[in-house]
Amino acid sequence: MNEILGKLFEAIEFGKADKTSPYPPALKGLDGAKEYTISALDAGITPKEILEEALIPAMGCVGKKFSENKIFVPQMLMSAKAMSASMIQLKPFFASGELKTKGTFIIGTVKGDLHDIGKNLVSMIVEGGGWTLVDLGVDVSSDRFIDAIRKNPGAIVGLSALLTTTMGSMAEIVARIKSELPDTKVLVGGAPVNMDFCQTIGADYYAPNPQLAVDYLNSVA
């Protein structure tokens, strides 16, 4: 791997957003993801190479460590912040069409549930994995999911829930999506959800952690 891309990978893996960031202590005072991305572009490294050789592998590494309980939510949030600092530098290339994503992923916490930590973690890993993200937030009704899918043809949908009392809402949203837009792939996740429930309500995939959600998206892209 190119030396700059290697340092960018490290900055994202360990959550070093920019030079002013004091975390992690071992990288204090050094450049972060923002500066290394700018340096890479200045050195003639293409946005596609930056995305595919540094950002996506780094977030994949972070997701794997999280799923193996080697790091926890705070470390993942730091890595996501570093990834975002890099992605900001690449936004103009997405806007111009020079850089394309793998597809669009629509995500939201289902109606009646205001919890968003799990949703946010999945969002960060998915976006870092090279996908366009449409985050609908929390307490999302079936109407809003349907509207978002119609505006983003071919998108894959993720439903999140933390409360057992909102599992019925998840089931209703999946049923509506499959009724009106049957070709739409739907994955579900959250503390009360399991594979049996996923199959019962007709969803396509159950993701017990963010990395498996990305693995599924990549398998159907």
C-alpha atoms as a PDB file:
ATOM      1  CA  MET A   1       0.000   0.000   0.000  1.00  0.00           C
ATOM      2  CA  ASN A   2       1.123   3.539  -0.765  1.00  0.00           C
ATOM      3  CA  GLU A   3       2.710   5.161   2.309  1.00  0.00           C
ATOM      4  CA  ILE A   4       0.154   7.988   2.486  1.00  0.00           C
ATOM      5  CA  LEU A   5      -2.740   5.566   2.130  1.00  0.00           C
ATOM      6  CA  GLY A   6      -1.206   3.402   4.836  1.00  0.00           C
ATOM      7  CA  LYS A   7      -1.122   6.365   7.206  1.00  0.00           C
ATOM      8  CA  LEU A   8      -4.705   7.252   6.250  1.00  0.00           C
ATOM      9  CA  PHE A   9      -5.754   3.686   7.002  1.00  0.00           C
ATOM     10  CA  GLU A  10      -4.089   3.931  10.415  1.00  0.00           C
ATOM     11  CA  ALA A  11      -5.701   7.305  11.158  1.00  0.00           C
ATOM     12  CA  ILE A  12      -9.160   5.918  10.480  1.00  0.00           C
ATOM     13  CA  GLU A  13      -8.540   2.625  12.264  1.00  0.00           C
ATOM     14  CA  PHE A  14      -7.473   4.391  15.442  1.00  0.00           C
ATOM     15  CA  GLY A  15      -9.783   7.410  15.182  1.00  0.00           C
ATOM     16  CA  LYS A  16      -7.424  10.282  14.370  1.00  0.00           C
ATOM     17  CA  ALA A  17      -9.689  12.782  12.560  1.00  0.00           C
ATOM     18  CA  ASP A  18      -7.214  15.636  12.069  1.00  0.00           C
ATOM     19  CA  LYS A  19      -3.991  17.067  13.410  1.00  0.00           C
ATOM     20  CA  THR A  20      -5.736  18.990  16.218  1.00  0.00           C
ATOM     21  CA  SER A  21      -7.424  15.877  17.598  1.00  0.00           C
ATOM     22  CA  PRO A  22      -5.834  14.737  20.886  1.00  0.00           C
ATOM     23  CA  TYR A  23      -6.982  11.162  20.352  1.00  0.00           C
ATOM     24  CA  PRO A  24      -5.587   8.628  20.255  1.00  0.00           C
ATOM     25  CA  PRO A  25      -2.731   9.748  22.541  1.00  0.00           C
ATOM     26  CA  ALA A  26      -0.170   7.721  20.548  1.00  0.00           C
ATOM     27  CA  LEU A  27      -0.890   9.874  17.466  1.00  0.00           C
ATOM     28  CA  LYS A  28      -1.150  13.239  19.243  1.00  0.00           C
ATOM     29  CA  GLY A  29       0.329  16.069  17.168  1.00  0.00           C
ATOM     30  CA  LEU A  30       0.453  13.996  13.996  1.00  0.00           C
ATOM     31  CA  ASP A  31      -1.639  14.449  10.871  1.00  0.00           C
ATOM     32  CA  GLY A  32      -5.042  12.805  10.801  1.00  0.00           C
ATOM     33  CA  ALA A  33      -7.460  11.485   8.206  1.00  0.00           C
ATOM     34  CA  LYS A  34      -8.229  14.968   6.903  1.00  0.00           C
ATOM     35  CA  GLU A  35      -4.600  15.888   6.223  1.00  0.00           C
ATOM     36  CA  TYR A  36      -3.648  12.480   4.792  1.00  0.00           C
ATOM     37  CA  THR A  37      -6.604  12.587   2.384  1.00  0.00           C
ATOM     38  CA  ILE A  38      -5.572  16.041   1.183  1.00  0.00           C
ATOM     39  CA  SER A  39      -1.961  14.860   0.837  1.00  0.00           C
ATOM     40  CA  ALA A  40      -3.082  11.821  -1.141  1.00  0.00           C
ATOM     41  CA  LEU A  41      -5.084  13.947  -3.558  1.00  0.00           C
ATOM     42  CA  ASP A  42      -2.168  16.382  -3.914  1.00  0.00           C
ATOM     43  CA  ALA A  43       0.114  13.446  -4.669  1.00  0.00           C
ATOM     44  CA  GLY A  44      -2.089  12.410  -7.566  1.00  0.00           C
ATOM     45  CA  ILE A  45      -3.737   9.447  -5.880  1.00  0.00           C
ATOM     46  CA  THR A  46      -7.234   9.134  -7.301  1.00  0.00           C
ATOM     47  CA  PRO A  47     -10.340   9.448  -5.121  1.00  0.00           C
ATOM     48  CA  LYS A  48     -11.259   5.889  -6.146  1.00  0.00           C
ATOM     49  CA  GLU A  49      -7.919   4.590  -4.873  1.00  0.00           C
ATOM     50  CA  ILE A  50      -8.342   6.503  -1.611  1.00  0.00           C
ATOM     51  CA  LEU A  51     -11.791   5.024  -1.114  1.00  0.00           C
ATOM     52  CA  GLU A  52     -11.003   1.466  -2.137  1.00  0.00           C
ATOM     53  CA  GLU A  53      -7.466   1.110  -0.752  1.00  0.00           C
ATOM     54  CA  ALA A  54      -7.764   3.051   2.519  1.00  0.00           C
ATOM     55  CA  LEU A  55     -11.244   4.074   3.645  1.00  0.00           C
ATOM     56  CA  ILE A  56     -13.196   0.900   2.877  1.00  0.00           C
ATOM     57  CA  PRO A  57     -10.509  -1.500   4.210  1.00  0.00           C
ATOM     58  CA  ALA A  58     -10.011   0.646   7.339  1.00  0.00           C
ATOM     59  CA  MET A  59     -13.715   0.724   8.201  1.00  0.00           C
ATOM     60  CA  GLY A  60     -13.903  -2.975   7.439  1.00  0.00           C
ATOM     61  CA  CYS A  61     -11.117  -3.528   9.959  1.00  0.00           C
ATOM     62  CA  VAL A  62     -12.943  -1.389  12.525  1.00  0.00           C
ATOM     63  CA  GLY A  63     -16.199  -3.252  11.942  1.00  0.00           C
ATOM     64  CA  LYS A  64     -14.485  -6.609  12.340  1.00  0.00           C
ATOM     65  CA  LYS A  65     -12.823  -5.571  15.603  1.00  0.00           C
ATOM     66  CA  PHE A  66     -16.168  -4.281  16.901  1.00  0.00           C
ATOM     67  CA  SER A  67     -17.962  -7.516  16.034  1.00  0.00           C
ATOM     68  CA  GLU A  68     -15.215  -9.459  17.837  1.00  0.00           C
ATOM     69  CA  ASN A  69     -15.524  -7.201  20.926  1.00  0.00           C
ATOM     70  CA  LYS A  70     -11.955  -5.993  20.518  1.00  0.00           C
ATOM     71  CA  ILE A  71     -13.146  -2.378  20.472  1.00  0.00           C
ATOM     72  CA  PHE A  72     -16.345  -0.773  21.737  1.00  0.00           C
ATOM     73  CA  VAL A  73     -18.734   2.045  20.851  1.00  0.00           C
ATOM     74  CA  PRO A  74     -16.422   4.974  21.806  1.00  0.00           C
ATOM     75  CA  GLN A  75     -13.581   3.681  19.624  1.00  0.00           C
ATOM     76  CA  MET A  76     -15.949   3.035  16.744  1.00  0.00           C
ATOM     77  CA  LEU A  77     -17.341   6.553  17.011  1.00  0.00           C
ATOM     78  CA  MET A  78     -13.806   7.967  16.876  1.00  0.00           C
ATOM     79  CA  SER A  79     -13.058   5.932  13.747  1.00  0.00           C
ATOM     80  CA  ALA A  80     -16.313   7.085  12.186  1.00  0.00           C
ATOM     81  CA  LYS A  81     -15.393  10.703  12.899  1.00  0.00           C
ATOM     82  CA  ALA A  82     -12.021  10.179  11.219  1.00  0.00           C
ATOM     83  CA  MET A  83     -13.697   8.525   8.246  1.00  0.00           C
ATOM     84  CA  SER A  84     -16.086  11.483   7.947  1.00  0.00           C
ATOM     85  CA  ALA A  85     -13.151  13.912   7.980  1.00  0.00           C
ATOM     86  CA  SER A  86     -11.735  12.051   4.995  1.00  0.00           C
ATOM     87  CA  MET A  87     -15.067  11.721   3.180  1.00  0.00           C
ATOM     88  CA  ILE A  88     -15.604  15.496   3.348  1.00  0.00           C
ATOM     89  CA  GLN A  89     -12.525  15.905   1.152  1.00  0.00           C
ATOM     90  CA  LEU A  90     -13.968  13.411  -1.350  1.00  0.00           C
ATOM     91  CA  LYS A  91     -17.520  14.854  -1.497  1.00  0.00           C
ATOM     92  CA  PRO A  92     -16.801  17.023  -4.573  1.00  0.00           C
ATOM     93  CA  PHE A  93     -15.782  13.918  -6.511  1.00  0.00           C
ATOM     94  CA  PHE A  94     -19.023  12.148  -5.602  1.00  0.00           C
ATOM     95  CA  ALA A  95     -20.986  15.234  -6.642  1.00  0.00           C
ATOM     96  CA  SER A  96     -19.219  15.419 -10.007  1.00  0.00           C
ATOM     97  CA  GLY A  97     -19.822  11.752 -10.716  1.00  0.00           C
ATOM     98  CA  GLU A  98     -16.107  10.969 -10.858  1.00  0.00           C
ATOM     99  CA  LEU A  99     -16.466   8.794  -7.771  1.00  0.00           C
ATOM    100  CA  LYS A 100     -19.360   6.355  -7.579  1.00  0.00           C
ATOM    101  CA  THR A 101     -20.693   4.478  -4.584  1.00  0.00           C
ATOM    102  CA  LYS A 102     -21.707   0.819  -4.458  1.00  0.00           C
ATOM    103  CA  GLY A 103     -25.372   1.710  -4.088  1.00  0.00           C
ATOM    104  CA  THR A 104     -27.836   3.428  -1.787  1.00  0.00           C
ATOM    105  CA  PHE A 105     -28.767   2.259   1.698  1.00  0.00           C
ATOM    106  CA  ILE A 106     -31.819   3.701   3.441  1.00  0.00           C
ATOM    107  CA  ILE A 107     -31.910   3.271   7.209  1.00  0.00           C
ATOM    108  CA  GLY A 108     -34.160   4.316  10.042  1.00  0.00           C
ATOM    109  CA  THR A 109     -35.342   3.344  13.507  1.00  0.00           C
ATOM    110  CA  VAL A 110     -38.946   2.182  13.206  1.00  0.00           C
ATOM    111  CA  LYS A 111     -41.997   4.134  14.308  1.00  0.00           C
ATOM    112  CA  GLY A 112     -42.437   4.295  18.080  1.00  0.00           C
ATOM    113  CA  ASP A 113     -38.733   3.863  18.828  1.00  0.00           C
ATOM    114  CA  LEU A 114     -36.459   6.845  19.496  1.00  0.00           C
ATOM    115  CA  HIS A 115     -33.190   4.956  20.008  1.00  0.00           C
ATOM    116  CA  ASP A 116     -30.475   5.625  17.471  1.00  0.00           C
ATOM    117  CA  ILE A 117     -27.103   4.341  18.708  1.00  0.00           C
ATOM    118  CA  GLY A 118     -27.353   1.014  16.886  1.00  0.00           C
ATOM    119  CA  LYS A 119     -28.664   2.712  13.752  1.00  0.00           C
ATOM    120  CA  ASN A 120     -25.868   5.255  13.842  1.00  0.00           C
ATOM    121  CA  LEU A 121     -23.178   2.600  14.202  1.00  0.00           C
ATOM    122  CA  VAL A 122     -24.522   0.709  11.204  1.00  0.00           C
ATOM    123  CA  SER A 123     -24.753   3.978   9.240  1.00  0.00           C
ATOM    124  CA  MET A 124     -21.119   4.825   9.921  1.00  0.00           C
ATOM    125  CA  ILE A 125     -19.801   1.435   8.881  1.00  0.00           C
ATOM    126  CA  VAL A 126     -22.019   1.313   5.776  1.00  0.00           C
ATOM    127  CA  GLU A 127     -21.001   4.777   4.593  1.00  0.00           C
ATOM    128  CA  GLY A 128     -17.361   3.965   5.274  1.00  0.00           C
ATOM    129  CA  GLY A 129     -17.873   0.839   3.193  1.00  0.00           C
ATOM    130  CA  GLY A 130     -18.551   2.910   0.101  1.00  0.00           C
ATOM    131  CA  TRP A 131     -22.340   3.243   0.116  1.00  0.00           C
ATOM    132  CA  THR A 132     -24.542   6.313  -0.262  1.00  0.00           C
ATOM    133  CA  LEU A 133     -26.462   6.665   2.973  1.00  0.00           C
ATOM    134  CA  VAL A 134     -30.007   7.968   3.428  1.00  0.00           C
ATOM    135  CA  ASP A 135     -30.588   8.205   7.175  1.00  0.00           C
ATOM    136  CA  LEU A 136     -34.258   8.798   7.988  1.00  0.00           C
ATOM    137  CA  GLY A 137     -33.605   9.131  11.726  1.00  0.00           C
ATOM    138  CA  VAL A 138     -35.859   7.694  14.423  1.00  0.00           C
ATOM    139  CA  ASP A 139     -39.599   7.067  14.796  1.00  0.00           C
ATOM    140  CA  VAL A 140     -39.863   6.432  11.051  1.00  0.00           C
ATOM    141  CA  SER A 141     -43.254   5.443   9.647  1.00  0.00           C
ATOM    142  CA  SER A 142     -43.912   3.086   6.755  1.00  0.00           C
ATOM    143  CA  ASP A 143     -44.963   6.096   4.650  1.00  0.00           C
ATOM    144  CA  ARG A 144     -41.533   7.691   5.063  1.00  0.00           C
ATOM    145  CA  PHE A 145     -39.727   4.461   4.186  1.00  0.00           C
ATOM    146  CA  ILE A 146     -41.891   3.979   1.093  1.00  0.00           C
ATOM    147  CA  ASP A 147     -41.336   7.598   0.033  1.00  0.00           C
ATOM    148  CA  ALA A 148     -37.550   7.256   0.448  1.00  0.00           C
ATOM    149  CA  ILE A 149     -37.475   4.032  -1.577  1.00  0.00           C
ATOM    150  CA  ARG A 150     -39.464   5.608  -4.398  1.00  0.00           C
ATOM    151  CA  LYS A 151     -37.009   8.526  -4.453  1.00  0.00           C
ATOM    152  CA  ASN A 152     -34.042   6.123  -4.507  1.00  0.00           C
ATOM    153  CA  PRO A 153     -34.905   3.271  -6.891  1.00  0.00           C
ATOM    154  CA  GLY A 154     -32.902   0.126  -6.244  1.00  0.00           C
ATOM    155  CA  ALA A 155     -31.953   1.140  -2.704  1.00  0.00           C
ATOM    156  CA  ILE A 156     -31.602  -1.446   0.043  1.00  0.00           C
ATOM    157  CA  VAL A 157     -33.434  -0.739   3.303  1.00  0.00           C
ATOM    158  CA  GLY A 158     -32.375  -1.270   6.917  1.00  0.00           C
ATOM    159  CA  LEU A 159     -34.820  -1.218   9.828  1.00  0.00           C
ATOM    160  CA  SER A 160     -33.614  -0.819  13.406  1.00  0.00           C
ATOM    161  CA  ALA A 161     -35.430  -1.312  16.714  1.00  0.00           C
ATOM    162  CA  LEU A 162     -34.375  -1.493  20.342  1.00  0.00           C
ATOM    163  CA  LEU A 163     -37.742  -1.839  22.080  1.00  0.00           C
ATOM    164  CA  THR A 164     -39.679  -5.110  21.966  1.00  0.00           C
ATOM    165  CA  THR A 165     -42.840  -2.993  21.832  1.00  0.00           C
ATOM    166  CA  THR A 166     -41.860  -1.711  18.380  1.00  0.00           C
ATOM    167  CA  MET A 167     -41.290  -5.124  16.790  1.00  0.00           C
ATOM    168  CA  GLY A 168     -44.880  -4.985  15.568  1.00  0.00           C
ATOM    169  CA  SER A 169     -44.096  -1.705  13.845  1.00  0.00           C
ATOM    170  CA  MET A 170     -41.098  -3.322  12.170  1.00  0.00           C
ATOM    171  CA  ALA A 171     -43.283  -6.175  10.944  1.00  0.00           C
ATOM    172  CA  GLU A 172     -45.865  -3.729   9.560  1.00  0.00           C
ATOM    173  CA  ILE A 173     -43.205  -1.697   7.715  1.00  0.00           C
ATOM    174  CA  VAL A 174     -41.656  -4.810   6.152  1.00  0.00           C
ATOM    175  CA  ALA A 175     -45.087  -6.038   5.049  1.00  0.00           C
ATOM    176  CA  ARG A 176     -45.890  -2.698   3.438  1.00  0.00           C
ATOM    177  CA  ILE A 177     -42.554  -2.504   1.618  1.00  0.00           C
ATOM    178  CA  LYS A 178     -42.878  -6.051   0.314  1.00  0.00           C
ATOM    179  CA  SER A 179     -46.463  -5.388  -0.769  1.00  0.00           C
ATOM    180  CA  GLU A 180     -45.835  -2.140  -2.631  1.00  0.00           C
ATOM    181  CA  LEU A 181     -42.185  -2.547  -3.675  1.00  0.00           C
ATOM    182  CA  PRO A 182     -41.577  -6.316  -3.620  1.00  0.00           C
ATOM    183  CA  ASP A 183     -38.142  -6.181  -5.251  1.00  0.00           C
ATOM    184  CA  THR A 184     -36.723  -4.101  -2.371  1.00  0.00           C
ATOM    185  CA  LYS A 185     -34.220  -5.896  -0.157  1.00  0.00           C
ATOM    186  CA  VAL A 186     -34.868  -5.310   3.562  1.00  0.00           C
ATOM    187  CA  LEU A 187     -32.515  -6.095   6.403  1.00  0.00           C
ATOM    188  CA  VAL A 188     -33.405  -5.793  10.087  1.00  0.00           C
ATOM    189  CA  GLY A 189     -31.455  -5.486  13.301  1.00  0.00           C
ATOM    190  CA  GLY A 190     -31.587  -4.422  16.924  1.00  0.00           C
ATOM    191  CA  ALA A 191     -31.568  -5.909  20.405  1.00  0.00           C
ATOM    192  CA  PRO A 192     -34.975  -7.671  20.308  1.00  0.00           C
ATOM    193  CA  VAL A 193     -34.571  -8.993  16.750  1.00  0.00           C
ATOM    194  CA  ASN A 194     -33.259 -12.395  15.685  1.00  0.00           C
ATOM    195  CA  MET A 195     -33.197 -14.567  12.563  1.00  0.00           C
ATOM    196  CA  ASP A 196     -36.457 -16.307  13.423  1.00  0.00           C
ATOM    197  CA  PHE A 197     -38.253 -12.968  13.702  1.00  0.00           C
ATOM    198  CA  CYS A 198     -36.623 -11.787  10.470  1.00  0.00           C
ATOM    199  CA  GLN A 199     -37.932 -14.817   8.603  1.00  0.00           C
ATOM    200  CA  THR A 200     -41.360 -14.595  10.234  1.00  0.00           C
ATOM    201  CA  ILE A 201     -41.947 -11.014   9.062  1.00  0.00           C
ATOM    202  CA  GLY A 202     -40.561 -11.629   5.573  1.00  0.00           C
ATOM    203  CA  ALA A 203     -37.378  -9.543   5.761  1.00  0.00           C
ATOM    204  CA  ASP A 204     -34.415 -10.612   3.652  1.00  0.00           C
ATOM    205  CA  TYR A 205     -31.630 -10.567   6.218  1.00  0.00           C
ATOM    206  CA  TYR A 206     -30.938 -10.223   9.939  1.00  0.00           C
ATOM    207  CA  ALA A 207     -27.754  -8.336  10.850  1.00  0.00           C
ATOM    208  CA  PRO A 208     -26.655  -8.895  14.470  1.00  0.00           C
ATOM    209  CA  ASN A 209     -23.815  -6.366  14.084  1.00  0.00           C
ATOM    210  CA  PRO A 210     -22.769  -3.541  11.715  1.00  0.00           C
ATOM    211  CA  GLN A 211     -20.076  -5.494   9.880  1.00  0.00           C
ATOM    212  CA  LEU A 212     -22.485  -8.267   8.922  1.00  0.00           C
ATOM    213  CA  ALA A 213     -24.851  -5.626   7.583  1.00  0.00           C
ATOM    214  CA  VAL A 214     -22.072  -4.370   5.287  1.00  0.00           C
ATOM    215  CA  ASP A 215     -21.148  -7.906   4.288  1.00  0.00           C
ATOM    216  CA  TYR A 216     -24.762  -8.504   3.244  1.00  0.00           C
ATOM    217  CA  LEU A 217     -24.952  -5.263   1.293  1.00  0.00           C
ATOM    218  CA  ASN A 218     -21.763  -6.116  -0.566  1.00  0.00           C
ATOM    219  CA  SER A 219     -23.105  -9.589  -1.375  1.00  0.00           C
ATOM    220  CA  VAL A 220     -26.207  -8.215  -3.090  1.00  0.00           C
ATOM    221  CA  ALA A 221     -24.736  -5.051  -4.628  1.00  0.00           C
END
